Amino acid sequence: MRDDRAPLRLIRTGSGQAPVSGSPFAHADDGPSPLRLDHVRLLSLDAHGRVLDWMSWQDAVCLYARGAVAWTLGDPCLHVHGGVNRFSGERSVLALHPIVAARGHVRTKRFDPTPALSNTALFARDQHLCLYCGQTFSRQVLTRDHVKPLSQGGRDRWENVVSACFPCNSRKGGRTPTQAGMPLIAVPYRPSWVEHLILSNRNILADQMAFLKHHLPKKHARDR
């Protein structure tokens, strides 16, 4: 029996969009490619339009193939070319959209999980600034500082941590900003889930960013 399967080919589509490369299954158009295939993320929603998470193109293909896509937003950003049908001679094609709502159970509670606290997410929240001296630093120079030190009963949570350069963190030591005479230039806060998604992805497409911005909270909940 002849094998009708063929390697998947992905083509990045859309005006002004760079071709995708960096994978043995990627087909890149002519020209340079600054975006790797494994960096491409599609925005996943539930059937009611609530933001869930980023998903890989592989997970999106599974949703499309199972008929589990409720609806989509935006023009197709990727085309997945599969095998050739032995009867019709036509190659299967899936057009993946930047925003995909999946079928599933209705959520009875508001979906707003607390983002995991990591140095990468923290530095992104604080825009790679030291919140004591106000200068911008690379990730290698920044540290996580506890505004109220752990030795004084402070907790390792979003509302009590800030980005700090190594010299400022060393100078502050085990003291509070008031005790050290080092006032903060901004108040730490817990980012919403939507803010976390924006901070965690450097390759957000225009349709995705517009959708996420529409779902940003009106104001931060500070000093909880």
N, C-alpha and C. Protein backbone atom coordinates (compact mmCIF):
# COMPACT_ATOMS: atom_id res chain seq x y z
N MET A 1 0.85 -1.21 0.00
CA MET A 1 0.00 0.00 0.00
C MET A 1 0.87 1.25 0.00
N ARG A 2 0.55 2.15 -0.89
CA ARG A 2 1.35 3.36 -1.00
C ARG A 2 1.08 4.28 0.19
N ASP A 3 2.15 4.84 0.75
CA ASP A 3 2.03 5.76 1.89
C ASP A 3 1.70 7.15 1.37
N ASP A 4 0.52 7.67 1.78
CA ASP A 4 0.09 8.98 1.30
C ASP A 4 0.55 10.11 2.21
N ARG A 5 1.20 9.76 3.30
CA ARG A 5 1.60 10.80 4.22
C ARG A 5 2.81 11.58 3.68
N ALA A 6 2.89 12.82 4.10
CA ALA A 6 4.00 13.68 3.69
C ALA A 6 4.37 14.58 4.85
N PRO A 7 5.62 15.04 4.91
CA PRO A 7 6.00 15.96 5.99
C PRO A 7 5.16 17.23 5.94
N LEU A 8 4.84 17.75 7.10
CA LEU A 8 4.10 19.01 7.16
C LEU A 8 4.97 20.15 6.68
N ARG A 9 4.36 21.09 5.97
CA ARG A 9 5.04 22.32 5.57
C ARG A 9 4.25 23.47 6.14
N LEU A 10 4.94 24.39 6.79
CA LEU A 10 4.28 25.58 7.32
C LEU A 10 4.72 26.80 6.54
N ILE A 11 3.75 27.61 6.13
CA ILE A 11 4.04 28.86 5.43
C ILE A 11 3.40 30.00 6.20
N ARG A 12 4.21 30.97 6.57
CA ARG A 12 3.69 32.15 7.26
C ARG A 12 3.02 33.05 6.24
N THR A 13 1.80 33.50 6.54
CA THR A 13 1.07 34.32 5.59
C THR A 13 0.68 35.64 6.22
N GLY A 14 0.12 36.52 5.41
CA GLY A 14 -0.33 37.81 5.92
C GLY A 14 0.62 38.90 5.48
N SER A 15 0.07 40.07 5.22
CA SER A 15 0.87 41.19 4.75
C SER A 15 1.84 41.64 5.82
N GLY A 16 3.08 41.86 5.41
CA GLY A 16 4.08 42.37 6.34
C GLY A 16 4.58 41.35 7.32
N GLN A 17 4.23 40.08 7.15
CA GLN A 17 4.64 39.05 8.10
C GLN A 17 5.87 38.35 7.55
N ALA A 18 6.80 38.10 8.43
CA ALA A 18 8.03 37.44 8.01
C ALA A 18 7.79 35.95 7.84
N PRO A 19 8.48 35.29 6.89
CA PRO A 19 8.36 33.85 6.76
C PRO A 19 8.94 33.17 7.99
N VAL A 20 8.49 31.95 8.23
CA VAL A 20 8.91 31.21 9.42
C VAL A 20 9.95 30.18 9.03
N SER A 21 10.95 30.03 9.87
CA SER A 21 11.97 29.02 9.61
C SER A 21 12.42 28.43 10.93
N GLY A 22 13.49 27.62 10.87
CA GLY A 22 14.05 27.08 12.09
C GLY A 22 13.51 25.72 12.45
N SER A 23 12.85 25.01 11.53
CA SER A 23 12.31 23.69 11.80
C SER A 23 12.43 22.84 10.56
N PRO A 24 12.67 21.52 10.71
CA PRO A 24 12.74 20.67 9.53
C PRO A 24 11.41 20.58 8.80
N PHE A 25 10.31 20.98 9.44
CA PHE A 25 9.01 20.95 8.81
C PHE A 25 8.59 22.31 8.29
N ALA A 26 9.48 23.28 8.36
CA ALA A 26 9.10 24.65 7.97
C ALA A 26 9.48 24.91 6.52
N HIS A 27 8.58 25.55 5.82
CA HIS A 27 8.88 26.00 4.48
C HIS A 27 8.91 27.53 4.52
N ALA A 28 10.03 28.11 4.21
CA ALA A 28 10.16 29.56 4.28
C ALA A 28 10.11 30.16 2.88
N ASP A 29 9.42 31.29 2.77
CA ASP A 29 9.44 32.01 1.51
C ASP A 29 10.81 32.64 1.33
N ASP A 30 11.03 33.29 0.18
CA ASP A 30 12.31 33.92 -0.09
C ASP A 30 12.52 35.09 0.86
N GLY A 31 13.78 35.34 1.21
CA GLY A 31 14.08 36.49 2.07
C GLY A 31 14.49 36.06 3.45
N PRO A 32 15.03 36.99 4.24
CA PRO A 32 15.48 36.69 5.59
C PRO A 32 14.32 36.34 6.50
N SER A 33 14.59 35.56 7.54
CA SER A 33 13.55 35.13 8.45
C SER A 33 13.99 35.38 9.89
N PRO A 34 13.54 36.47 10.52
CA PRO A 34 13.95 36.77 11.88
C PRO A 34 13.17 36.00 12.93
N LEU A 35 12.10 35.29 12.55
CA LEU A 35 11.24 34.62 13.50
C LEU A 35 11.29 33.11 13.30
N ARG A 36 11.64 32.38 14.36
CA ARG A 36 11.72 30.94 14.29
C ARG A 36 10.33 30.33 14.44
N LEU A 37 10.16 29.17 13.83
CA LEU A 37 8.88 28.49 13.89
C LEU A 37 8.49 28.15 15.33
N ASP A 38 9.47 27.75 16.16
CA ASP A 38 9.14 27.38 17.52
C ASP A 38 8.82 28.58 18.40
N HIS A 39 8.94 29.81 17.84
CA HIS A 39 8.55 31.01 18.56
C HIS A 39 7.13 31.45 18.25
N VAL A 40 6.51 30.82 17.24
CA VAL A 40 5.16 31.20 16.85
C VAL A 40 4.17 30.67 17.87
N ARG A 41 3.30 31.56 18.37
CA ARG A 41 2.28 31.17 19.33
C ARG A 41 0.93 31.71 18.88
N LEU A 42 -0.09 30.90 19.01
CA LEU A 42 -1.44 31.31 18.71
C LEU A 42 -2.16 31.54 20.04
N LEU A 43 -3.08 32.49 20.05
CA LEU A 43 -3.80 32.82 21.28
C LEU A 43 -5.01 31.92 21.42
N SER A 44 -5.07 31.21 22.54
CA SER A 44 -6.14 30.26 22.79
C SER A 44 -7.21 30.88 23.68
N LEU A 45 -8.48 30.74 23.27
CA LEU A 45 -9.63 31.22 24.04
C LEU A 45 -10.57 30.06 24.29
N ASP A 46 -11.49 30.24 25.26
CA ASP A 46 -12.57 29.27 25.36
C ASP A 46 -13.69 29.72 24.42
N ALA A 47 -14.76 28.94 24.37
CA ALA A 47 -15.82 29.23 23.40
C ALA A 47 -16.53 30.54 23.68
N HIS A 48 -16.38 31.08 24.90
CA HIS A 48 -17.03 32.33 25.27
C HIS A 48 -16.09 33.53 25.11
N GLY A 49 -14.91 33.30 24.56
CA GLY A 49 -13.99 34.40 24.29
C GLY A 49 -13.09 34.77 25.44
N ARG A 50 -13.04 33.95 26.49
CA ARG A 50 -12.15 34.24 27.61
C ARG A 50 -10.74 33.75 27.28
N VAL A 51 -9.77 34.56 27.62
CA VAL A 51 -8.38 34.27 27.27
C VAL A 51 -7.85 33.13 28.13
N LEU A 52 -7.28 32.12 27.48
CA LEU A 52 -6.72 30.97 28.19
C LEU A 52 -5.21 31.03 28.27
N ASP A 53 -4.54 30.95 27.11
CA ASP A 53 -3.08 30.88 27.14
C ASP A 53 -2.56 30.95 25.69
N TRP A 54 -1.24 30.95 25.55
CA TRP A 54 -0.61 30.78 24.25
C TRP A 54 -0.55 29.29 23.95
N MET A 55 -0.66 28.94 22.69
CA MET A 55 -0.49 27.54 22.31
C MET A 55 0.37 27.45 21.06
N SER A 56 1.02 26.32 20.91
CA SER A 56 1.88 26.09 19.77
C SER A 56 1.05 25.80 18.53
N TRP A 57 1.67 25.92 17.37
CA TRP A 57 0.95 25.61 16.14
C TRP A 57 0.59 24.14 16.09
N GLN A 58 1.41 23.26 16.72
CA GLN A 58 1.08 21.84 16.75
C GLN A 58 -0.22 21.58 17.50
N ASP A 59 -0.38 22.25 18.67
CA ASP A 59 -1.62 22.08 19.43
C ASP A 59 -2.81 22.63 18.65
N ALA A 60 -2.59 23.74 17.94
CA ALA A 60 -3.66 24.31 17.14
C ALA A 60 -4.08 23.35 16.02
N VAL A 61 -3.12 22.71 15.38
CA VAL A 61 -3.42 21.75 14.32
C VAL A 61 -4.30 20.63 14.87
N CYS A 62 -4.00 20.17 16.08
CA CYS A 62 -4.81 19.11 16.70
C CYS A 62 -6.25 19.56 16.89
N LEU A 63 -6.44 20.82 17.33
CA LEU A 63 -7.79 21.34 17.51
C LEU A 63 -8.54 21.40 16.18
N TYR A 64 -7.87 21.91 15.15
CA TYR A 64 -8.50 22.02 13.84
C TYR A 64 -8.85 20.63 13.31
N ALA A 65 -7.91 19.69 13.42
CA ALA A 65 -8.11 18.35 12.86
C ALA A 65 -9.24 17.61 13.57
N ARG A 66 -9.44 17.88 14.88
CA ARG A 66 -10.50 17.22 15.64
C ARG A 66 -11.84 17.92 15.51
N GLY A 67 -11.87 19.04 14.80
CA GLY A 67 -13.10 19.80 14.69
C GLY A 67 -13.48 20.46 16.00
N ALA A 68 -12.47 20.78 16.81
CA ALA A 68 -12.71 21.33 18.14
C ALA A 68 -12.61 22.84 18.18
N VAL A 69 -12.54 23.49 17.01
CA VAL A 69 -12.46 24.95 16.94
C VAL A 69 -13.87 25.52 16.86
N ALA A 70 -14.22 26.35 17.82
CA ALA A 70 -15.55 26.97 17.83
C ALA A 70 -15.61 28.16 16.88
N TRP A 71 -14.60 29.01 16.94
CA TRP A 71 -14.52 30.16 16.04
C TRP A 71 -13.11 30.74 16.11
N THR A 72 -12.81 31.62 15.17
CA THR A 72 -11.47 32.21 15.09
C THR A 72 -11.58 33.70 14.84
N LEU A 73 -10.48 34.40 15.06
CA LEU A 73 -10.38 35.82 14.76
C LEU A 73 -9.09 36.10 14.00
N GLY A 74 -9.13 37.09 13.13
CA GLY A 74 -7.95 37.48 12.38
C GLY A 74 -7.78 36.69 11.10
N ASP A 75 -7.02 37.25 10.18
CA ASP A 75 -6.70 36.55 8.95
C ASP A 75 -5.72 35.43 9.24
N PRO A 76 -5.76 34.33 8.46
CA PRO A 76 -4.82 33.22 8.67
C PRO A 76 -3.37 33.71 8.70
N CYS A 77 -2.62 33.21 9.67
CA CYS A 77 -1.22 33.61 9.79
C CYS A 77 -0.27 32.47 9.46
N LEU A 78 -0.77 31.24 9.43
CA LEU A 78 0.03 30.08 9.07
C LEU A 78 -0.81 29.12 8.23
N HIS A 79 -0.18 28.50 7.25
CA HIS A 79 -0.84 27.45 6.49
C HIS A 79 -0.04 26.16 6.68
N VAL A 80 -0.72 25.11 7.11
CA VAL A 80 -0.09 23.80 7.29
C VAL A 80 -0.48 22.92 6.12
N HIS A 81 0.51 22.49 5.35
CA HIS A 81 0.28 21.62 4.20
C HIS A 81 0.60 20.18 4.59
N GLY A 82 -0.39 19.30 4.48
CA GLY A 82 -0.21 17.91 4.86
C GLY A 82 -0.01 17.00 3.66
N GLY A 83 -0.56 15.78 3.75
CA GLY A 83 -0.37 14.79 2.71
C GLY A 83 -1.32 14.97 1.53
N VAL A 84 -1.11 14.15 0.50
CA VAL A 84 -1.91 14.20 -0.73
C VAL A 84 -2.94 13.07 -0.70
N ASN A 85 -4.20 13.42 -0.96
CA ASN A 85 -5.27 12.44 -1.00
C ASN A 85 -5.08 11.52 -2.21
N ARG A 86 -5.08 10.22 -1.97
CA ARG A 86 -4.81 9.28 -3.07
C ARG A 86 -5.91 9.24 -4.12
N PHE A 87 -7.13 9.63 -3.72
CA PHE A 87 -8.25 9.59 -4.64
C PHE A 87 -8.40 10.88 -5.43
N SER A 88 -8.32 12.02 -4.74
CA SER A 88 -8.52 13.30 -5.43
C SER A 88 -7.22 13.90 -5.94
N GLY A 89 -6.10 13.48 -5.37
CA GLY A 89 -4.82 14.05 -5.77
C GLY A 89 -4.56 15.42 -5.18
N GLU A 90 -5.44 15.86 -4.27
CA GLU A 90 -5.30 17.18 -3.66
C GLU A 90 -4.58 17.08 -2.32
N ARG A 91 -3.77 18.07 -2.04
CA ARG A 91 -3.05 18.13 -0.77
C ARG A 91 -3.89 18.82 0.28
N SER A 92 -3.90 18.27 1.47
CA SER A 92 -4.68 18.87 2.55
C SER A 92 -3.97 20.13 3.06
N VAL A 93 -4.78 21.14 3.40
CA VAL A 93 -4.25 22.41 3.88
C VAL A 93 -5.10 22.88 5.07
N LEU A 94 -4.43 23.29 6.13
CA LEU A 94 -5.11 23.90 7.26
C LEU A 94 -4.64 25.34 7.39
N ALA A 95 -5.58 26.26 7.41
CA ALA A 95 -5.25 27.68 7.60
C ALA A 95 -5.43 28.00 9.08
N LEU A 96 -4.34 28.30 9.76
CA LEU A 96 -4.38 28.59 11.19
C LEU A 96 -4.52 30.09 11.41
N HIS A 97 -5.40 30.45 12.31
CA HIS A 97 -5.66 31.85 12.62
C HIS A 97 -4.92 32.27 13.89
N PRO A 98 -4.63 33.54 14.05
CA PRO A 98 -3.85 33.99 15.21
C PRO A 98 -4.59 33.85 16.54
N ILE A 99 -5.93 33.84 16.50
CA ILE A 99 -6.74 33.72 17.70
C ILE A 99 -7.74 32.59 17.48
N VAL A 100 -7.71 31.59 18.37
CA VAL A 100 -8.51 30.39 18.19
C VAL A 100 -9.32 30.10 19.44
N ALA A 101 -10.64 30.03 19.28
CA ALA A 101 -11.52 29.66 20.39
C ALA A 101 -11.88 28.19 20.27
N ALA A 102 -11.66 27.44 21.34
CA ALA A 102 -11.89 26.00 21.31
C ALA A 102 -13.23 25.65 21.94
N ARG A 103 -13.83 24.59 21.42
CA ARG A 103 -15.05 24.08 22.03
C ARG A 103 -14.68 23.43 23.36
N GLY A 104 -15.63 23.41 24.28
CA GLY A 104 -15.34 22.79 25.57
C GLY A 104 -16.41 23.13 26.58
N HIS A 105 -16.17 22.70 27.81
CA HIS A 105 -17.13 22.94 28.88
C HIS A 105 -17.14 24.41 29.26
N VAL A 106 -18.30 24.89 29.64
CA VAL A 106 -18.44 26.27 30.08
C VAL A 106 -17.81 26.42 31.46
N ARG A 107 -17.01 27.47 31.62
CA ARG A 107 -16.39 27.73 32.91
C ARG A 107 -17.39 28.46 33.80
N THR A 108 -17.59 27.93 35.00
CA THR A 108 -18.55 28.53 35.91
C THR A 108 -17.96 29.67 36.71
N LYS A 109 -16.63 29.71 36.81
CA LYS A 109 -15.97 30.76 37.58
C LYS A 109 -15.14 31.64 36.65
N ARG A 110 -14.91 32.82 37.09
CA ARG A 110 -14.11 33.77 36.30
C ARG A 110 -12.69 33.22 36.13
N PHE A 111 -12.21 33.23 34.91
CA PHE A 111 -10.89 32.70 34.61
C PHE A 111 -9.87 33.81 34.76
N ASP A 112 -9.19 33.84 35.88
CA ASP A 112 -8.17 34.86 36.11
C ASP A 112 -7.10 34.30 37.04
N PRO A 113 -6.31 33.33 36.55
CA PRO A 113 -5.31 32.71 37.41
C PRO A 113 -4.19 33.68 37.75
N THR A 114 -3.49 33.40 38.83
CA THR A 114 -2.35 34.20 39.20
C THR A 114 -1.13 33.74 38.40
N PRO A 115 -0.48 34.63 37.67
CA PRO A 115 0.71 34.22 36.90
C PRO A 115 1.80 33.72 37.84
N ALA A 116 2.53 32.72 37.39
CA ALA A 116 3.64 32.20 38.18
C ALA A 116 4.73 33.26 38.31
N LEU A 117 5.23 33.43 39.51
CA LEU A 117 6.29 34.40 39.74
C LEU A 117 7.64 33.80 39.36
N SER A 118 8.29 34.38 38.38
CA SER A 118 9.63 33.97 37.97
C SER A 118 10.44 35.23 37.71
N ASN A 119 11.76 35.10 37.72
CA ASN A 119 12.59 36.27 37.45
C ASN A 119 12.33 36.83 36.05
N THR A 120 12.15 35.95 35.08
CA THR A 120 11.89 36.41 33.71
C THR A 120 10.62 37.25 33.66
N ALA A 121 9.55 36.75 34.28
CA ALA A 121 8.28 37.48 34.29
C ALA A 121 8.40 38.77 35.11
N LEU A 122 9.14 38.71 36.22
CA LEU A 122 9.31 39.90 37.06
C LEU A 122 10.06 40.99 36.32
N PHE A 123 11.16 40.64 35.68
CA PHE A 123 11.95 41.65 34.96
C PHE A 123 11.15 42.24 33.80
N ALA A 124 10.32 41.40 33.16
CA ALA A 124 9.48 41.91 32.08
C ALA A 124 8.44 42.88 32.64
N ARG A 125 7.84 42.55 33.79
CA ARG A 125 6.87 43.47 34.40
C ARG A 125 7.49 44.82 34.69
N ASP A 126 8.71 44.81 35.21
CA ASP A 126 9.39 46.05 35.58
C ASP A 126 10.21 46.65 34.44
N GLN A 127 10.01 46.10 33.22
CA GLN A 127 10.63 46.62 32.01
C GLN A 127 12.16 46.67 32.10
N HIS A 128 12.73 45.71 32.81
CA HIS A 128 14.18 45.58 32.97
C HIS A 128 14.81 46.82 33.61
N LEU A 129 14.02 47.50 34.43
CA LEU A 129 14.53 48.64 35.21
C LEU A 129 14.86 48.19 36.62
N CYS A 130 15.88 48.78 37.19
CA CYS A 130 16.08 48.66 38.63
C CYS A 130 15.14 49.67 39.27
N LEU A 131 14.23 49.21 40.11
CA LEU A 131 13.23 50.11 40.68
C LEU A 131 13.77 50.93 41.85
N TYR A 132 15.09 50.90 42.03
CA TYR A 132 15.73 51.78 43.02
C TYR A 132 16.50 52.91 42.34
N CYS A 133 17.36 52.57 41.39
CA CYS A 133 18.15 53.61 40.73
C CYS A 133 17.53 54.07 39.41
N GLY A 134 16.57 53.28 38.88
CA GLY A 134 15.86 53.67 37.67
C GLY A 134 16.58 53.38 36.37
N GLN A 135 17.73 52.72 36.43
CA GLN A 135 18.47 52.43 35.20
C GLN A 135 18.04 51.10 34.61
N THR A 136 18.25 50.97 33.30
CA THR A 136 17.91 49.74 32.59
C THR A 136 19.11 48.80 32.57
N PHE A 137 18.85 47.52 32.79
CA PHE A 137 19.93 46.53 32.84
C PHE A 137 19.52 45.28 32.07
N SER A 138 20.52 44.49 31.69
CA SER A 138 20.26 43.20 31.06
C SER A 138 19.80 42.21 32.14
N ARG A 139 19.24 41.11 31.69
CA ARG A 139 18.72 40.12 32.62
C ARG A 139 19.82 39.58 33.54
N GLN A 140 21.05 39.51 33.03
CA GLN A 140 22.14 38.94 33.81
C GLN A 140 22.52 39.82 35.00
N VAL A 141 22.23 41.11 34.92
CA VAL A 141 22.62 42.04 35.99
C VAL A 141 21.50 42.24 37.01
N LEU A 142 20.26 41.94 36.61
CA LEU A 142 19.13 42.16 37.50
C LEU A 142 18.96 41.03 38.51
N THR A 143 18.39 41.38 39.66
CA THR A 143 18.09 40.41 40.70
C THR A 143 16.67 40.63 41.20
N ARG A 144 16.15 39.65 41.93
CA ARG A 144 14.84 39.79 42.57
C ARG A 144 15.05 40.30 43.99
N ASP A 145 14.49 41.47 44.27
CA ASP A 145 14.59 42.03 45.62
C ASP A 145 13.24 41.98 46.31
N HIS A 146 13.26 41.59 47.58
CA HIS A 146 12.04 41.59 48.39
C HIS A 146 11.95 42.93 49.11
N VAL A 147 10.90 43.70 48.77
CA VAL A 147 10.74 45.04 49.34
C VAL A 147 10.76 44.95 50.87
N LYS A 148 9.91 44.11 51.43
CA LYS A 148 10.01 43.77 52.85
C LYS A 148 10.80 42.48 52.93
N PRO A 149 12.01 42.51 53.45
CA PRO A 149 12.88 41.34 53.40
C PRO A 149 12.24 40.11 54.03
N LEU A 150 12.63 38.95 53.52
CA LEU A 150 12.14 37.69 54.07
C LEU A 150 12.50 37.57 55.55
N SER A 151 13.65 38.13 55.91
CA SER A 151 14.09 38.06 57.31
C SER A 151 13.20 38.88 58.23
N GLN A 152 12.42 39.79 57.66
CA GLN A 152 11.49 40.61 58.45
C GLN A 152 10.03 40.18 58.27
N GLY A 153 9.85 39.01 57.72
CA GLY A 153 8.49 38.50 57.54
C GLY A 153 7.88 38.76 56.18
N GLY A 154 8.66 39.31 55.26
CA GLY A 154 8.16 39.54 53.91
C GLY A 154 7.92 38.23 53.18
N ARG A 155 7.08 38.27 52.15
CA ARG A 155 6.74 37.06 51.41
C ARG A 155 7.22 37.16 49.98
N ASP A 156 7.45 35.99 49.39
CA ASP A 156 7.90 35.92 48.00
C ASP A 156 6.67 35.93 47.10
N ARG A 157 6.12 37.12 46.87
CA ARG A 157 4.91 37.28 46.06
C ARG A 157 5.04 38.54 45.22
N TRP A 158 4.21 38.61 44.19
CA TRP A 158 4.29 39.70 43.24
C TRP A 158 4.30 41.07 43.90
N GLU A 159 3.45 41.26 44.92
CA GLU A 159 3.30 42.58 45.53
C GLU A 159 4.48 42.96 46.43
N ASN A 160 5.42 42.03 46.62
CA ASN A 160 6.55 42.31 47.52
C ASN A 160 7.90 42.14 46.84
N VAL A 161 7.91 42.05 45.52
CA VAL A 161 9.19 41.86 44.82
C VAL A 161 9.33 42.89 43.71
N VAL A 162 10.56 43.31 43.48
CA VAL A 162 10.87 44.25 42.41
C VAL A 162 12.18 43.85 41.76
N SER A 163 12.41 44.34 40.56
CA SER A 163 13.69 44.16 39.90
C SER A 163 14.69 45.15 40.49
N ALA A 164 15.88 44.66 40.75
CA ALA A 164 16.92 45.52 41.30
C ALA A 164 18.27 45.10 40.74
N CYS A 165 19.09 46.08 40.40
CA CYS A 165 20.45 45.75 39.95
C CYS A 165 21.24 45.21 41.15
N PHE A 166 22.29 44.50 40.87
CA PHE A 166 23.06 43.87 41.95
C PHE A 166 23.61 44.89 42.95
N PRO A 167 24.18 46.04 42.49
CA PRO A 167 24.68 47.02 43.46
C PRO A 167 23.59 47.55 44.39
N CYS A 168 22.40 47.86 43.84
CA CYS A 168 21.32 48.39 44.68
C CYS A 168 20.81 47.33 45.64
N ASN A 169 20.71 46.09 45.17
CA ASN A 169 20.24 45.01 46.04
C ASN A 169 21.23 44.79 47.18
N SER A 170 22.53 44.85 46.88
CA SER A 170 23.55 44.67 47.92
C SER A 170 23.53 45.83 48.91
N ARG A 171 23.35 47.03 48.41
CA ARG A 171 23.31 48.20 49.27
C ARG A 171 22.10 48.16 50.22
N LYS A 172 20.96 47.73 49.69
CA LYS A 172 19.74 47.66 50.51
C LYS A 172 19.85 46.57 51.56
N GLY A 173 20.42 45.44 51.17
CA GLY A 173 20.62 44.36 52.12
C GLY A 173 19.30 43.84 52.69
N GLY A 174 19.30 43.56 53.98
CA GLY A 174 18.12 43.04 54.65
C GLY A 174 17.25 44.11 55.26
N ARG A 175 17.20 45.27 54.61
CA ARG A 175 16.39 46.39 55.13
C ARG A 175 15.23 46.68 54.19
N THR A 176 14.24 47.40 54.70
CA THR A 176 13.15 47.90 53.86
C THR A 176 13.65 49.13 53.12
N PRO A 177 12.97 49.57 52.07
CA PRO A 177 13.39 50.80 51.38
C PRO A 177 13.47 52.00 52.33
N THR A 178 12.54 52.10 53.26
CA THR A 178 12.56 53.22 54.22
C THR A 178 13.78 53.14 55.12
N GLN A 179 14.07 51.96 55.62
CA GLN A 179 15.22 51.77 56.50
C GLN A 179 16.53 52.05 55.77
N ALA A 180 16.57 51.72 54.48
CA ALA A 180 17.79 51.91 53.70
C ALA A 180 17.88 53.29 53.06
N GLY A 181 16.81 54.08 53.16
CA GLY A 181 16.80 55.39 52.49
C GLY A 181 16.83 55.26 50.98
N MET A 182 16.15 54.22 50.46
CA MET A 182 16.14 53.94 49.01
C MET A 182 14.69 53.81 48.54
N PRO A 183 14.01 54.91 48.28
CA PRO A 183 12.60 54.83 47.87
C PRO A 183 12.44 54.17 46.50
N LEU A 184 11.35 53.42 46.36
CA LEU A 184 11.02 52.78 45.09
C LEU A 184 10.51 53.82 44.09
N ILE A 185 10.80 53.60 42.81
CA ILE A 185 10.30 54.52 41.78
C ILE A 185 8.95 54.06 41.24
N ALA A 186 8.49 52.86 41.64
CA ALA A 186 7.17 52.35 41.23
C ALA A 186 6.72 51.33 42.27
N VAL A 187 5.42 51.16 42.36
CA VAL A 187 4.84 50.23 43.34
C VAL A 187 4.69 48.85 42.69
N PRO A 188 5.20 47.80 43.32
CA PRO A 188 5.04 46.46 42.75
C PRO A 188 3.58 46.01 42.76
N TYR A 189 3.19 45.22 41.78
CA TYR A 189 1.82 44.76 41.68
C TYR A 189 1.78 43.38 41.04
N ARG A 190 0.68 42.69 41.27
CA ARG A 190 0.47 41.39 40.62
C ARG A 190 -0.16 41.63 39.26
N PRO A 191 0.51 41.26 38.17
CA PRO A 191 -0.08 41.46 36.84
C PRO A 191 -1.28 40.54 36.64
N SER A 192 -2.23 41.00 35.87
CA SER A 192 -3.36 40.15 35.51
C SER A 192 -2.87 39.06 34.56
N TRP A 193 -3.73 38.08 34.32
CA TRP A 193 -3.35 37.00 33.41
C TRP A 193 -3.09 37.53 32.00
N VAL A 194 -3.90 38.49 31.56
CA VAL A 194 -3.71 39.05 30.22
C VAL A 194 -2.40 39.81 30.16
N GLU A 195 -2.09 40.60 31.19
CA GLU A 195 -0.80 41.30 31.22
C GLU A 195 0.35 40.31 31.18
N HIS A 196 0.22 39.22 31.91
CA HIS A 196 1.25 38.19 31.92
C HIS A 196 1.47 37.61 30.53
N LEU A 197 0.39 37.36 29.79
CA LEU A 197 0.52 36.81 28.44
C LEU A 197 1.25 37.79 27.53
N ILE A 198 0.95 39.08 27.67
CA ILE A 198 1.64 40.09 26.86
C ILE A 198 3.12 40.14 27.20
N LEU A 199 3.43 40.06 28.49
CA LEU A 199 4.83 40.13 28.93
C LEU A 199 5.62 38.89 28.54
N SER A 200 4.94 37.75 28.39
CA SER A 200 5.65 36.49 28.19
C SER A 200 5.90 36.14 26.73
N ASN A 201 5.42 36.96 25.80
CA ASN A 201 5.57 36.64 24.38
C ASN A 201 6.16 37.83 23.63
N ARG A 202 7.31 37.65 23.03
CA ARG A 202 7.97 38.73 22.29
C ARG A 202 7.50 38.81 20.85
N ASN A 203 6.71 37.84 20.39
CA ASN A 203 6.32 37.78 18.99
C ASN A 203 4.80 37.83 18.83
N ILE A 204 4.16 38.78 19.50
CA ILE A 204 2.72 38.90 19.43
C ILE A 204 2.31 39.55 18.10
N LEU A 205 1.36 38.93 17.42
CA LEU A 205 0.87 39.47 16.16
C LEU A 205 -0.10 40.61 16.42
N ALA A 206 -0.32 41.44 15.42
CA ALA A 206 -1.14 42.65 15.59
C ALA A 206 -2.56 42.32 16.05
N ASP A 207 -3.18 41.31 15.45
CA ASP A 207 -4.54 40.93 15.84
C ASP A 207 -4.57 40.45 17.29
N GLN A 208 -3.54 39.72 17.69
CA GLN A 208 -3.48 39.22 19.06
C GLN A 208 -3.32 40.37 20.05
N MET A 209 -2.44 41.32 19.74
CA MET A 209 -2.21 42.43 20.64
C MET A 209 -3.46 43.29 20.80
N ALA A 210 -4.15 43.53 19.70
CA ALA A 210 -5.38 44.33 19.77
C ALA A 210 -6.42 43.65 20.65
N PHE A 211 -6.53 42.33 20.53
CA PHE A 211 -7.50 41.59 21.34
C PHE A 211 -7.10 41.63 22.81
N LEU A 212 -5.83 41.41 23.11
CA LEU A 212 -5.37 41.39 24.50
C LEU A 212 -5.51 42.76 25.15
N LYS A 213 -5.17 43.81 24.41
CA LYS A 213 -5.29 45.16 24.98
C LYS A 213 -6.73 45.48 25.35
N HIS A 214 -7.65 44.97 24.58
CA HIS A 214 -9.07 45.20 24.87
C HIS A 214 -9.49 44.53 26.17
N HIS A 215 -8.74 43.49 26.59
CA HIS A 215 -9.08 42.74 27.79
C HIS A 215 -8.19 43.08 28.99
N LEU A 216 -7.37 44.13 28.85
CA LEU A 216 -6.56 44.55 29.99
C LEU A 216 -7.44 45.14 31.08
N PRO A 217 -7.07 44.96 32.36
CA PRO A 217 -7.84 45.57 33.44
C PRO A 217 -7.73 47.08 33.40
N LYS A 218 -8.75 47.76 33.88
CA LYS A 218 -8.76 49.22 33.87
C LYS A 218 -7.68 49.79 34.75
N LYS A 219 -7.38 49.12 35.87
CA LYS A 219 -6.32 49.56 36.75
C LYS A 219 -5.78 48.37 37.50
N HIS A 220 -4.56 48.50 37.99
CA HIS A 220 -3.94 47.43 38.72
C HIS A 220 -4.48 47.38 40.15
N ALA A 221 -4.56 46.16 40.67
CA ALA A 221 -4.90 46.00 42.08
C ALA A 221 -3.60 46.03 42.87
N ARG A 222 -3.28 47.15 43.51
CA ARG A 222 -2.00 47.31 44.18
C ARG A 222 -2.16 47.18 45.69
N ASP A 223 -1.05 46.84 46.32
CA ASP A 223 -0.96 46.82 47.78
C ASP A 223 -2.04 45.91 48.40
N ARG A 224 -2.26 44.75 47.80
CA ARG A 224 -3.24 43.84 48.41
C ARG A 224 -2.66 43.23 49.67
